[in-house]
PDB file of N, CA and C in Angstrom:
ATOM      1  N   MET A   1     141.147 121.868  -2.787  1.00  0.00           N
ATOM      2  CA  MET A   1     141.546 122.333  -1.474  1.00  0.00           C
ATOM      3  C   MET A   1     140.332 122.619  -0.592  1.00  0.00           C
ATOM      4  N   ASP A   2     139.223 123.047  -1.179  1.00  0.00           N
ATOM      5  CA  ASP A   2     138.030 123.343  -0.397  1.00  0.00           C
ATOM      6  C   ASP A   2     137.447 122.085   0.249  1.00  0.00           C
ATOM      7  N   ILE A   3     137.633 120.936  -0.378  1.00  0.00           N
ATOM      8  CA  ILE A   3     137.105 119.688   0.167  1.00  0.00           C
ATOM      9  C   ILE A   3     137.784 119.358   1.498  1.00  0.00           C
ATOM     10  N   PHE A   4     139.074 119.600   1.612  1.00  0.00           N
ATOM     11  CA  PHE A   4     139.813 119.273   2.828  1.00  0.00           C
ATOM     12  C   PHE A   4     139.707 120.360   3.898  1.00  0.00           C
ATOM     13  N   SER A   5     139.469 121.576   3.498  1.00  0.00           N
ATOM     14  CA  SER A   5     139.444 122.659   4.482  1.00  0.00           C
ATOM     15  C   SER A   5     138.183 122.626   5.347  1.00  0.00           C
ATOM     16  N   SER A   6     137.063 122.215   4.807  1.00  0.00           N
ATOM     17  CA  SER A   6     135.824 122.186   5.576  1.00  0.00           C
ATOM     18  C   SER A   6     135.888 121.192   6.750  1.00  0.00           C
ATOM     19  N   PRO A   7     136.307 119.945   6.552  1.00  0.00           N
ATOM     20  CA  PRO A   7     136.418 119.033   7.706  1.00  0.00           C
ATOM     21  C   PRO A   7     137.485 119.487   8.708  1.00  0.00           C
ATOM     22  N   LEU A   8     138.550 120.076   8.225  1.00  0.00           N
ATOM     23  CA  LEU A   8     139.589 120.544   9.140  1.00  0.00           C
ATOM     24  C   LEU A   8     139.075 121.684  10.016  1.00  0.00           C
ATOM     25  N   ILE A   9     138.269 122.545   9.434  1.00  0.00           N
ATOM     26  CA  ILE A   9     137.693 123.641  10.208  1.00  0.00           C
ATOM     27  C   ILE A   9     136.746 123.081  11.274  1.00  0.00           C
ATOM     28  N   MET A  10     135.933 122.101  10.917  1.00  0.00           N
ATOM     29  CA  MET A  10     135.008 121.495  11.880  1.00  0.00           C
ATOM     30  C   MET A  10     135.768 120.822  13.026  1.00  0.00           C
ATOM     31  N   ILE A  11     136.831 120.114  12.696  1.00  0.00           N
ATOM     32  CA  ILE A  11     137.646 119.465  13.729  1.00  0.00           C
ATOM     33  C   ILE A  11     138.276 120.520  14.634  1.00  0.00           C
ATOM     34  N   GLY A  12     138.747 121.596  14.044  1.00  0.00           N
ATOM     35  CA  GLY A  12     139.329 122.692  14.824  1.00  0.00           C
ATOM     36  C   GLY A  12     138.323 123.311  15.770  1.00  0.00           C
ATOM     37  N   ILE A  13     137.105 123.507  15.282  1.00  0.00           N
ATOM     38  CA  ILE A  13     136.045 124.072  16.125  1.00  0.00           C
ATOM     39  C   ILE A  13     135.722 123.129  17.286  1.00  0.00           C
ATOM     40  N   MET A  14     135.680 121.821  17.026  1.00  0.00           N
ATOM     41  CA  MET A  14     135.406 120.853  18.091  1.00  0.00           C
ATOM     42  C   MET A  14     136.502 120.863  19.151  1.00  0.00           C
ATOM     43  N   ILE A  15     137.734 120.969  18.731  1.00  0.00           N
ATOM     44  CA  ILE A  15     138.847 121.012  19.683  1.00  0.00           C
ATOM     45  C   ILE A  15     138.763 122.268  20.544  1.00  0.00           C
ATOM     46  N   VAL A  16     138.468 123.393  19.924  1.00  0.00           N
ATOM     47  CA  VAL A  16     138.337 124.645  20.673  1.00  0.00           C
ATOM     48  C   VAL A  16     137.183 124.549  21.667  1.00  0.00           C
ATOM     49  N   MET A  17     136.051 123.982  21.251  1.00  0.00           N
ATOM     50  CA  MET A  17     134.902 123.832  22.147  1.00  0.00           C
ATOM     51  C   MET A  17     135.244 122.928  23.326  1.00  0.00           C
ATOM     52  N   PHE A  18     136.026 121.886  23.080  1.00  0.00           N
ATOM     53  CA  PHE A  18     136.433 120.992  24.160  1.00  0.00           C
ATOM     54  C   PHE A  18     137.199 121.764  25.227  1.00  0.00           C
ATOM     55  N   PHE A  19     138.157 122.565  24.798  1.00  0.00           N
ATOM     56  CA  PHE A  19     138.983 123.289  25.762  1.00  0.00           C
ATOM     57  C   PHE A  19     138.247 124.454  26.412  1.00  0.00           C
ATOM     58  N   LEU A  20     137.237 125.000  25.761  1.00  0.00           N
ATOM     59  CA  LEU A  20     136.500 126.122  26.336  1.00  0.00           C
ATOM     60  C   LEU A  20     135.321 125.698  27.210  1.00  0.00           C
ATOM     61  N   MET A  21     134.746 124.531  26.948  1.00  0.00           N
ATOM     62  CA  MET A  21     133.535 124.139  27.664  1.00  0.00           C
ATOM     63  C   MET A  21     133.717 122.891  28.529  1.00  0.00           C
ATOM     64  N   ILE A  22     134.198 121.837  27.960  1.00  0.00           N
ATOM     65  CA  ILE A  22     134.238 120.559  28.664  1.00  0.00           C
ATOM     66  C   ILE A  22     135.381 120.500  29.669  1.00  0.00           C
ATOM     67  N   ARG A  23     136.525 120.961  29.302  1.00  0.00           N
ATOM     68  CA  ARG A  23     137.701 120.897  30.178  1.00  0.00           C
ATOM     69  C   ARG A  23     137.495 121.642  31.502  1.00  0.00           C
ATOM     70  N   PRO A  24     136.940 122.862  31.516  1.00  0.00           N
ATOM     71  CA  PRO A  24     136.702 123.528  32.809  1.00  0.00           C
ATOM     72  C   PRO A  24     135.717 122.765  33.703  1.00  0.00           C
ATOM     73  N   GLN A  25     134.724 122.127  33.103  1.00  0.00           N
ATOM     74  CA  GLN A  25     133.771 121.344  33.889  1.00  0.00           C
ATOM     75  C   GLN A  25     134.457 120.144  34.531  1.00  0.00           C
ATOM     76  N   GLN A  26     135.359 119.504  33.783  1.00  0.00           N
ATOM     77  CA  GLN A  26     136.103 118.380  34.335  1.00  0.00           C
ATOM     78  C   GLN A  26     136.984 118.834  35.496  1.00  0.00           C
ATOM     79  N   LYS A  27     137.575 119.999  35.367  1.00  0.00           N
ATOM     80  CA  LYS A  27     138.433 120.536  36.422  1.00  0.00           C
ATOM     81  C   LYS A  27     137.620 120.830  37.680  1.00  0.00           C
ATOM     82  N   GLN A  28     136.439 121.431  37.524  1.00  0.00           N
ATOM     83  CA  GLN A  28     135.573 121.717  38.671  1.00  0.00           C
ATOM     84  C   GLN A  28     135.119 120.429  39.356  1.00  0.00           C
ATOM     85  N   ALA A  29     134.781 119.419  38.571  1.00  0.00           N
ATOM     86  CA  ALA A  29     134.345 118.142  39.136  1.00  0.00           C
ATOM     87  C   ALA A  29     135.478 117.494  39.931  1.00  0.00           C
ATOM     88  N   LYS A  30     136.682 117.590  39.433  1.00  0.00           N
ATOM     89  CA  LYS A  30     137.838 117.025  40.126  1.00  0.00           C
ATOM     90  C   LYS A  30     138.084 117.758  41.446  1.00  0.00           C
ATOM     91  N   GLU A  31     138.003 119.090  41.433  1.00  0.00           N
ATOM     92  CA  GLU A  31     138.194 119.882  42.655  1.00  0.00           C
ATOM     93  C   GLU A  31     137.112 119.564  43.683  1.00  0.00           C
ATOM     94  N   ARG A  32     135.882 119.391  43.225  1.00  0.00           N
ATOM     95  CA  ARG A  32     134.766 119.063  44.121  1.00  0.00           C
ATOM     96  C   ARG A  32     134.971 117.694  44.763  1.00  0.00           C
ATOM     97  N   LYS A  33     135.409 116.723  43.975  1.00  0.00           N
ATOM     98  CA  LYS A  33     135.663 115.384  44.501  1.00  0.00           C
ATOM     99  C   LYS A  33     136.772 115.417  45.548  1.00  0.00           C
ATOM    100  N   LEU A  34     137.825 116.181  45.281  1.00  0.00           N
ATOM    101  CA  LEU A  34     138.915 116.306  46.250  1.00  0.00           C
ATOM    102  C   LEU A  34     138.419 116.944  47.551  1.00  0.00           C
ATOM    103  N   MET A  35     137.555 117.951  47.442  1.00  0.00           N
ATOM    104  CA  MET A  35     137.008 118.616  48.625  1.00  0.00           C
ATOM    105  C   MET A  35     136.165 117.641  49.445  1.00  0.00           C
ATOM    106  N   ILE A  36     135.326 116.865  48.781  1.00  0.00           N
ATOM    107  CA  ILE A  36     134.462 115.915  49.480  1.00  0.00           C
ATOM    108  C   ILE A  36     135.285 114.798  50.116  1.00  0.00           C
ATOM    109  N   ASP A  37     136.314 114.328  49.424  1.00  0.00           N
ATOM    110  CA  ASP A  37     137.162 113.271  49.976  1.00  0.00           C
ATOM    111  C   ASP A  37     137.980 113.750  51.174  1.00  0.00           C
ATOM    112  N   ALA A  38     138.235 115.047  51.264  1.00  0.00           N
ATOM    113  CA  ALA A  38     139.064 115.596  52.341  1.00  0.00           C
ATOM    114  C   ALA A  38     138.251 116.027  53.564  1.00  0.00           C
ATOM    115  N   LEU A  39     136.944 115.808  53.563  1.00  0.00           N
ATOM    116  CA  LEU A  39     136.114 116.216  54.698  1.00  0.00           C
ATOM    117  C   LEU A  39     136.477 115.426  55.949  1.00  0.00           C
ATOM    118  N   ASN A  40     136.428 116.099  57.086  1.00  0.00           N
ATOM    119  CA  ASN A  40     136.733 115.481  58.375  1.00  0.00           C
ATOM    120  C   ASN A  40     135.655 115.832  59.389  1.00  0.00           C
ATOM    121  N   LYS A  41     135.621 115.061  60.461  1.00  0.00           N
ATOM    122  CA  LYS A  41     134.704 115.359  61.560  1.00  0.00           C
ATOM    123  C   LYS A  41     135.049 116.741  62.109  1.00  0.00           C
ATOM    124  N   GLY A  42     134.019 117.555  62.328  1.00  0.00           N
ATOM    125  CA  GLY A  42     134.224 118.900  62.852  1.00  0.00           C
ATOM    126  C   GLY A  42     134.229 119.982  61.788  1.00  0.00           C
ATOM    127  N   ASP A  43     134.337 119.598  60.511  1.00  0.00           N
ATOM    128  CA  ASP A  43     134.301 120.594  59.434  1.00  0.00           C
ATOM    129  C   ASP A  43     132.906 121.202  59.338  1.00  0.00           C
ATOM    130  N   GLU A  44     132.862 122.464  58.981  1.00  0.00           N
ATOM    131  CA  GLU A  44     131.594 123.165  58.795  1.00  0.00           C
ATOM    132  C   GLU A  44     131.327 123.289  57.303  1.00  0.00           C
ATOM    133  N   ILE A  45     130.107 122.933  56.908  1.00  0.00           N
ATOM    134  CA  ILE A  45     129.780 122.883  55.479  1.00  0.00           C
ATOM    135  C   ILE A  45     128.435 123.541  55.202  1.00  0.00           C
ATOM    136  N   VAL A  46     128.181 123.771  53.914  1.00  0.00           N
ATOM    137  CA  VAL A  46     126.879 124.217  53.421  1.00  0.00           C
ATOM    138  C   VAL A  46     126.401 123.165  52.430  1.00  0.00           C
ATOM    139  N   THR A  47     125.147 122.740  52.569  1.00  0.00           N
ATOM    140  CA  THR A  47     124.599 121.774  51.625  1.00  0.00           C
ATOM    141  C   THR A  47     124.056 122.496  50.395  1.00  0.00           C
ATOM    142  N   ALA A  48     123.676 121.729  49.391  1.00  0.00           N
ATOM    143  CA  ALA A  48     123.102 122.303  48.175  1.00  0.00           C
ATOM    144  C   ALA A  48     121.781 123.018  48.471  1.00  0.00           C
ATOM    145  N   ALA A  49     121.112 122.628  49.555  1.00  0.00           N
ATOM    146  CA  ALA A  49     119.854 123.272  49.942  1.00  0.00           C
ATOM    147  C   ALA A  49     120.084 124.524  50.780  1.00  0.00           C
ATOM    148  N   GLY A  50     121.346 124.824  51.094  1.00  0.00           N
ATOM    149  CA  GLY A  50     121.660 126.019  51.861  1.00  0.00           C
ATOM    150  C   GLY A  50     121.695 125.803  53.362  1.00  0.00           C
ATOM    151  N   ILE A  51     121.660 124.559  53.797  1.00  0.00           N
ATOM    152  CA  ILE A  51     121.691 124.247  55.227  1.00  0.00           C
ATOM    153  C   ILE A  51     123.140 124.229  55.707  1.00  0.00           C
ATOM    154  N   LEU A  52     123.396 124.962  56.796  1.00  0.00           N
ATOM    155  CA  LEU A  52     124.724 124.989  57.390  1.00  0.00           C
ATOM    156  C   LEU A  52     124.779 123.962  58.506  1.00  0.00           C
ATOM    157  N   GLY A  53     125.901 123.263  58.607  1.00  0.00           N
ATOM    158  CA  GLY A  53     126.035 122.269  59.660  1.00  0.00           C
ATOM    159  C   GLY A  53     127.473 121.895  59.909  1.00  0.00           C
ATOM    160  N   LYS A  54     127.670 121.229  61.032  1.00  0.00           N
ATOM    161  CA  LYS A  54     128.987 120.754  61.438  1.00  0.00           C
ATOM    162  C   LYS A  54     128.986 119.233  61.336  1.00  0.00           C
ATOM    163  N   ILE A  55     130.003 118.666  60.722  1.00  0.00           N
ATOM    164  CA  ILE A  55     130.058 117.222  60.503  1.00  0.00           C
ATOM    165  C   ILE A  55     130.341 116.506  61.821  1.00  0.00           C
ATOM    166  N   ASN A  56     129.456 115.554  62.173  1.00  0.00           N
ATOM    167  CA  ASN A  56     129.652 114.725  63.365  1.00  0.00           C
ATOM    168  C   ASN A  56     130.187 113.347  63.018  1.00  0.00           C
ATOM    169  N   LYS A  57     129.788 112.820  61.865  1.00  0.00           N
ATOM    170  CA  LYS A  57     130.220 111.482  61.458  1.00  0.00           C
ATOM    171  C   LYS A  57     130.219 111.409  59.940  1.00  0.00           C
ATOM    172  N   ILE A  58     131.178 110.656  59.398  1.00  0.00           N
ATOM    173  CA  ILE A  58     131.279 110.482  57.946  1.00  0.00           C
ATOM    174  C   ILE A  58     131.282 108.993  57.633  1.00  0.00           C
ATOM    175  N   THR A  59     130.432 108.594  56.677  1.00  0.00           N
ATOM    176  CA  THR A  59     130.469 107.228  56.148  1.00  0.00           C
ATOM    177  C   THR A  59     130.889 107.317  54.683  1.00  0.00           C
ATOM    178  N   ASP A  60     130.810 106.196  53.984  1.00  0.00           N
ATOM    179  CA  ASP A  60     131.227 106.189  52.577  1.00  0.00           C
ATOM    180  C   ASP A  60     130.380 107.115  51.712  1.00  0.00           C
ATOM    181  N   THR A  61     129.079 107.134  51.940  1.00  0.00           N
ATOM    182  CA  THR A  61     128.204 107.933  51.077  1.00  0.00           C
ATOM    183  C   THR A  61     127.407 109.002  51.818  1.00  0.00           C
ATOM    184  N   TYR A  62     127.390 108.942  53.148  1.00  0.00           N
ATOM    185  CA  TYR A  62     126.582 109.886  53.922  1.00  0.00           C
ATOM    186  C   TYR A  62     127.418 110.632  54.954  1.00  0.00           C
ATOM    187  N   VAL A  63     126.865 111.764  55.383  1.00  0.00           N
ATOM    188  CA  VAL A  63     127.471 112.581  56.426  1.00  0.00           C
ATOM    189  C   VAL A  63     126.371 112.915  57.429  1.00  0.00           C
ATOM    190  N   ILE A  64     126.685 112.805  58.709  1.00  0.00           N
ATOM    191  CA  ILE A  64     125.739 113.214  59.742  1.00  0.00           C
ATOM    192  C   ILE A  64     126.142 114.608  60.192  1.00  0.00           C
ATOM    193  N   LEU A  65     125.214 115.557  60.006  1.00  0.00           N
ATOM    194  CA  LEU A  65     125.462 116.956  60.334  1.00  0.00           C
ATOM    195  C   LEU A  65     124.734 117.346  61.608  1.00  0.00           C
ATOM    196  N   GLU A  66     125.389 118.167  62.412  1.00  0.00           N
ATOM    197  CA  GLU A  66     124.715 118.802  63.539  1.00  0.00           C
ATOM    198  C   GLU A  66     124.319 120.186  63.057  1.00  0.00           C
ATOM    199  N   ILE A  67     123.012 120.402  62.916  1.00  0.00           N
ATOM    200  CA  ILE A  67     122.537 121.681  62.385  1.00  0.00           C
ATOM    201  C   ILE A  67     122.107 122.634  63.493  1.00  0.00           C
ATOM    202  N   SER A  68     121.955 122.091  64.701  1.00  0.00           N
ATOM    203  CA  SER A  68     121.602 122.878  65.879  1.00  0.00           C
ATOM    204  C   SER A  68     122.025 122.042  67.082  1.00  0.00           C
ATOM    205  N   ASN A  69     122.066 122.630  68.256  1.00  0.00           N
ATOM    206  CA  ASN A  69     122.438 121.852  69.443  1.00  0.00           C
ATOM    207  C   ASN A  69     121.491 120.675  69.617  1.00  0.00           C
ATOM    208  N   GLY A  70     122.020 119.465  69.511  1.00  0.00           N
ATOM    209  CA  GLY A  70     121.220 118.262  69.684  1.00  0.00           C
ATOM    210  C   GLY A  70     120.389 117.858  68.486  1.00  0.00           C
ATOM    211  N   THR A  71     120.459 118.586  67.393  1.00  0.00           N
ATOM    212  CA  THR A  71     119.684 118.262  66.194  1.00  0.00           C
ATOM    213  C   THR A  71     120.631 117.828  65.085  1.00  0.00           C
ATOM    214  N   GLU A  72     120.440 116.591  64.639  1.00  0.00           N
ATOM    215  CA  GLU A  72     121.294 116.052  63.580  1.00  0.00           C
ATOM    216  C   GLU A  72     120.450 115.673  62.375  1.00  0.00           C
ATOM    217  N   MET A  73     121.088 115.662  61.236  1.00  0.00           N
ATOM    218  CA  MET A  73     120.432 115.189  60.021  1.00  0.00           C
ATOM    219  C   MET A  73     121.453 114.449  59.171  1.00  0.00           C
ATOM    220  N   ILE A  74     120.971 113.543  58.361  1.00  0.00           N
ATOM    221  CA  ILE A  74     121.830 112.758  57.481  1.00  0.00           C
ATOM    222  C   ILE A  74     121.684 113.302  56.067  1.00  0.00           C
ATOM    223  N   VAL A  75     122.814 113.580  55.419  1.00  0.00           N
ATOM    224  CA  VAL A  75     122.802 114.041  54.026  1.00  0.00           C
ATOM    225  C   VAL A  75     123.815 113.235  53.223  1.00  0.00           C
ATOM    226  N   GLN A  76     123.569 113.138  51.944  1.00  0.00           N
ATOM    227  CA  GLN A  76     124.526 112.484  51.062  1.00  0.00           C
ATOM    228  C   GLN A  76     125.727 113.394  50.866  1.00  0.00           C
ATOM    229  N   LYS A  77     126.884 112.775  50.677  1.00  0.00           N
ATOM    230  CA  LYS A  77     128.090 113.572  50.435  1.00  0.00           C
ATOM    231  C   LYS A  77     127.941 114.424  49.183  1.00  0.00           C
ATOM    232  N   SER A  78     127.226 113.913  48.204  1.00  0.00           N
ATOM    233  CA  SER A  78     127.053 114.658  46.953  1.00  0.00           C
ATOM    234  C   SER A  78     126.231 115.932  47.146  1.00  0.00           C
ATOM    235  N   ALA A  79     125.514 116.048  48.276  1.00  0.00           N
ATOM    236  CA  ALA A  79     124.716 117.246  48.550  1.00  0.00           C
ATOM    237  C   ALA A  79     125.541 118.351  49.202  1.00  0.00           C
ATOM    238  N   ILE A  80     126.794 118.065  49.529  1.00  0.00           N
ATOM    239  CA  ILE A  80     127.645 119.081  50.148  1.00  0.00           C
ATOM    240  C   ILE A  80     128.128 120.026  49.066  1.00  0.00           C
ATOM    241  N   ASN A  81     127.894 121.301  49.293  1.00  0.00           N
ATOM    242  CA  ASN A  81     128.185 122.311  48.288  1.00  0.00           C
ATOM    243  C   ASN A  81     129.481 123.062  48.549  1.00  0.00           C
ATOM    244  N   MET A  82     129.762 123.347  49.830  1.00  0.00           N
ATOM    245  CA  MET A  82     130.905 124.197  50.134  1.00  0.00           C
ATOM    246  C   MET A  82     131.438 123.893  51.531  1.00  0.00           C
ATOM    247  N   LEU A  83     132.746 123.964  51.673  1.00  0.00           N
ATOM    248  CA  LEU A  83     133.402 123.849  52.967  1.00  0.00           C
ATOM    249  C   LEU A  83     133.607 125.253  53.512  1.00  0.00           C
ATOM    250  N   LEU A  84     133.184 125.477  54.749  1.00  0.00           N
ATOM    251  CA  LEU A  84     133.292 126.799  55.370  1.00  0.00           C
ATOM    252  C   LEU A  84     134.529 126.876  56.261  1.00  0.00           C
ATOM    253  N   PRO A  85     135.060 128.079  56.462  1.00  0.00           N
ATOM    254  CA  PRO A  85     136.153 128.236  57.429  1.00  0.00           C
ATOM    255  C   PRO A  85     135.658 127.919  58.845  1.00  0.00           C
ATOM    256  N   LYS A  86     136.544 127.394  59.675  1.00  0.00           N
ATOM    257  CA  LYS A  86     136.182 127.047  61.060  1.00  0.00           C
ATOM    258  C   LYS A  86     135.648 128.277  61.787  1.00  0.00           C
ATOM    259  N   GLY A  87     134.591 128.085  62.565  1.00  0.00           N
ATOM    260  CA  GLY A  87     134.014 129.162  63.347  1.00  0.00           C
ATOM    261  C   GLY A  87     132.968 129.987  62.629  1.00  0.00           C
ATOM    262  N   THR A  88     132.686 129.661  61.385  1.00  0.00           N
ATOM    263  CA  THR A  88     131.703 130.432  60.619  1.00  0.00           C
ATOM    264  C   THR A  88     130.309 130.315  61.223  1.00  0.00           C
ATOM    265  N   ILE A  89     129.926 129.120  61.616  1.00  0.00           N
ATOM    266  CA  ILE A  89     128.572 128.907  62.134  1.00  0.00           C
ATOM    267  C   ILE A  89     128.372 129.653  63.454  1.00  0.00           C
ATOM    268  N   LYS A  90     129.378 129.673  64.311  1.00  0.00           N
ATOM    269  CA  LYS A  90     129.252 130.389  65.589  1.00  0.00           C
ATOM    270  C   LYS A  90     129.145 131.891  65.386  1.00  0.00           C
ATOM    271  N   SER A  91     129.734 132.392  64.318  1.00  0.00           N
ATOM    272  CA  SER A  91     129.718 133.839  64.090  1.00  0.00           C
ATOM    273  C   SER A  91     128.398 134.332  63.497  1.00  0.00           C
ATOM    274  N   ILE A  92     127.545 133.412  63.094  1.00  0.00           N
ATOM    275  CA  ILE A  92     126.265 133.808  62.478  1.00  0.00           C
ATOM    276  C   ILE A  92     125.225 134.044  63.548  1.00  0.00           C
TER     277      ILE A  92
END
C-alpha cells in the first residue's frame, strides 16, 4: 500500500498547487485581456510606468495617449496597467 500512496500524494499536491497558484494567475490574465480589449477613445488610463493619460487613438498593438495639453505619446497596449474612472485626470 505504501508504494501506491506516495505517487497519489504527489499527484494530490500538484493538483492543489495548480488551483492555489496557477489558476488565479490565469484568471488575472484573462481579466487584464478583457480590460485592454474594451478600451475606447477618451478612456483615462495608467501605464506600467505610472504615466496617466487619455486615449486619443487605438491601433491593434499601440495606443496614442494625451498626457498633457498638446502632448501625445505612443505606448504599447501591454503597458497599460489600469483603467481610471472618467474625470480622474482633471481632478488631480
